[in-house]
């Protein structure tokens, strides 16, 4: 596994964890606004997509593996699985398909 990939995963973890933890530290009461609640729910998935989609387009000849991982991530995100599970499943499918095809 390349250092670039490890750094991407770590940066993604930090920037998806912060939007969920910062409101807990600043707001002690429950948030009732549907807009803010939906924003806090969907921001990590949007960050994950923003970090990974450009890398999918630049796969260096492994487009089928990248598409399989992307579709896996979309599927599990649609099924409302946790962010770590979605990212891990997408990476696992990418790795398995790349082993099978290349």
Protein backbone atom coordinates (compact mmCIF):
# COMPACT_ATOMS: atom_id res chain seq x y z
CA UNK A 1 0.00 0.00 0.00
CA UNK A 2 1.48 3.32 -0.99
CA UNK A 3 2.20 6.12 1.44
CA UNK A 4 -0.09 8.40 -0.60
CA UNK A 5 -3.05 6.07 -0.04
CA UNK A 6 -2.38 5.83 3.68
CA UNK A 7 -2.14 9.62 3.95
CA UNK A 8 -5.39 10.02 1.99
CA UNK A 9 -7.20 7.67 4.36
CA UNK A 10 -5.80 9.46 7.41
CA UNK A 11 -6.75 12.90 6.07
CA UNK A 12 -10.20 11.61 5.22
CA UNK A 13 -10.58 10.17 8.72
CA UNK A 14 -9.62 13.46 10.36
CA UNK A 15 -11.83 15.62 8.17
CA UNK A 16 -14.83 13.34 8.54
CA UNK A 17 -14.39 12.95 12.29
CA UNK A 18 -14.01 16.67 13.05
CA UNK A 19 -17.43 17.78 11.73
CA UNK A 20 -19.05 15.18 13.97
CA UNK A 21 -17.02 15.94 17.09
CA UNK A 22 -16.85 19.76 17.00
CA UNK A 23 -20.60 20.24 17.49
CA UNK A 24 -20.46 17.94 20.52
CA UNK A 25 -17.82 20.12 22.11
CA UNK A 26 -19.52 23.45 21.41
CA UNK A 27 -23.23 22.60 21.75
CA UNK A 28 -24.32 20.96 24.97
CA UNK A 29 -28.04 20.95 24.15
CA UNK A 30 -29.65 18.75 21.53
CA UNK A 31 -29.78 20.30 18.06
CA UNK A 32 -33.38 20.57 16.88
CA UNK A 33 -32.87 22.27 13.52
CA UNK A 34 -33.49 19.76 10.70
CA UNK A 35 -31.11 21.67 8.43
CA UNK A 36 -28.17 21.51 10.82
CA UNK A 37 -28.91 17.88 11.74
CA UNK A 38 -28.96 16.82 8.09
CA UNK A 39 -25.83 18.86 7.38
CA UNK A 40 -23.96 17.14 10.22
CA UNK A 41 -25.16 13.76 8.98
CA UNK A 42 -24.22 14.16 5.32
CA UNK A 43 -20.98 16.17 5.52
CA UNK A 44 -18.74 13.13 6.18
CA UNK A 45 -20.11 11.31 3.14
CA UNK A 46 -19.64 14.41 1.00
CA UNK A 47 -16.05 14.73 2.19
CA UNK A 48 -15.44 11.05 1.46
CA UNK A 49 -16.81 11.49 -2.05
CA UNK A 50 -14.80 14.68 -2.64
CA UNK A 51 -11.57 12.98 -1.59
CA UNK A 52 -12.04 9.72 -3.45
CA UNK A 53 -13.83 10.60 -6.69
CA UNK A 54 -10.87 12.40 -8.31
CA UNK A 55 -8.67 9.42 -7.44
CA UNK A 56 -11.20 7.11 -9.12
CA UNK A 57 -10.87 9.06 -12.35
CA UNK A 58 -7.06 8.77 -12.22
CA UNK A 59 -6.76 5.04 -11.52
CA UNK A 60 -3.97 4.38 -13.99
CA UNK A 61 -5.67 1.65 -15.98
CA UNK A 62 -7.59 0.01 -13.14
CA UNK A 63 -10.89 1.65 -13.96
CA UNK A 64 -13.00 -1.49 -13.40
CA UNK A 65 -11.57 -1.99 -9.92
CA UNK A 66 -12.17 1.66 -9.09
CA UNK A 67 -15.74 1.55 -10.37
CA UNK A 68 -16.44 -1.61 -8.36
CA UNK A 69 -15.14 0.08 -5.21
CA UNK A 70 -17.10 3.24 -5.96
CA UNK A 71 -20.34 1.35 -6.52
CA UNK A 72 -19.78 -0.59 -3.31
CA UNK A 73 -19.31 2.64 -1.41
CA UNK A 74 -22.44 4.16 -2.95
CA UNK A 75 -24.46 1.05 -2.14
CA UNK A 76 -23.45 0.88 1.52
CA UNK A 77 -23.82 4.66 1.96
CA UNK A 78 -27.33 4.37 0.52
CA UNK A 79 -28.04 1.58 3.02
CA UNK A 80 -26.95 4.06 5.74
CA UNK A 81 -24.00 2.04 7.00
CA UNK A 82 -21.33 3.78 9.04
CA UNK A 83 -18.70 5.86 7.31
CA UNK A 84 -15.80 3.66 8.37
CA UNK A 85 -17.63 0.57 7.13
CA UNK A 86 -18.41 2.24 3.79
CA UNK A 87 -14.80 3.28 3.26
CA UNK A 88 -13.41 -0.11 4.35
CA UNK A 89 -15.83 -2.04 2.14
CA UNK A 90 -15.05 0.12 -0.89
CA UNK A 91 -11.30 -0.31 -0.38
CA UNK A 92 -11.66 -4.07 0.12
CA UNK A 93 -13.71 -4.49 -3.06
CA UNK A 94 -11.23 -2.36 -5.00
CA UNK A 95 -8.35 -4.49 -3.77
CA UNK A 96 -10.08 -7.82 -4.46
CA UNK A 97 -11.21 -6.83 -7.95
CA UNK A 98 -7.77 -5.49 -8.80
CA UNK A 99 -6.24 -8.80 -7.69
CA UNK A 100 -8.70 -10.76 -9.82
CA UNK A 101 -8.43 -8.65 -12.97
CA UNK A 102 -4.87 -7.38 -13.07
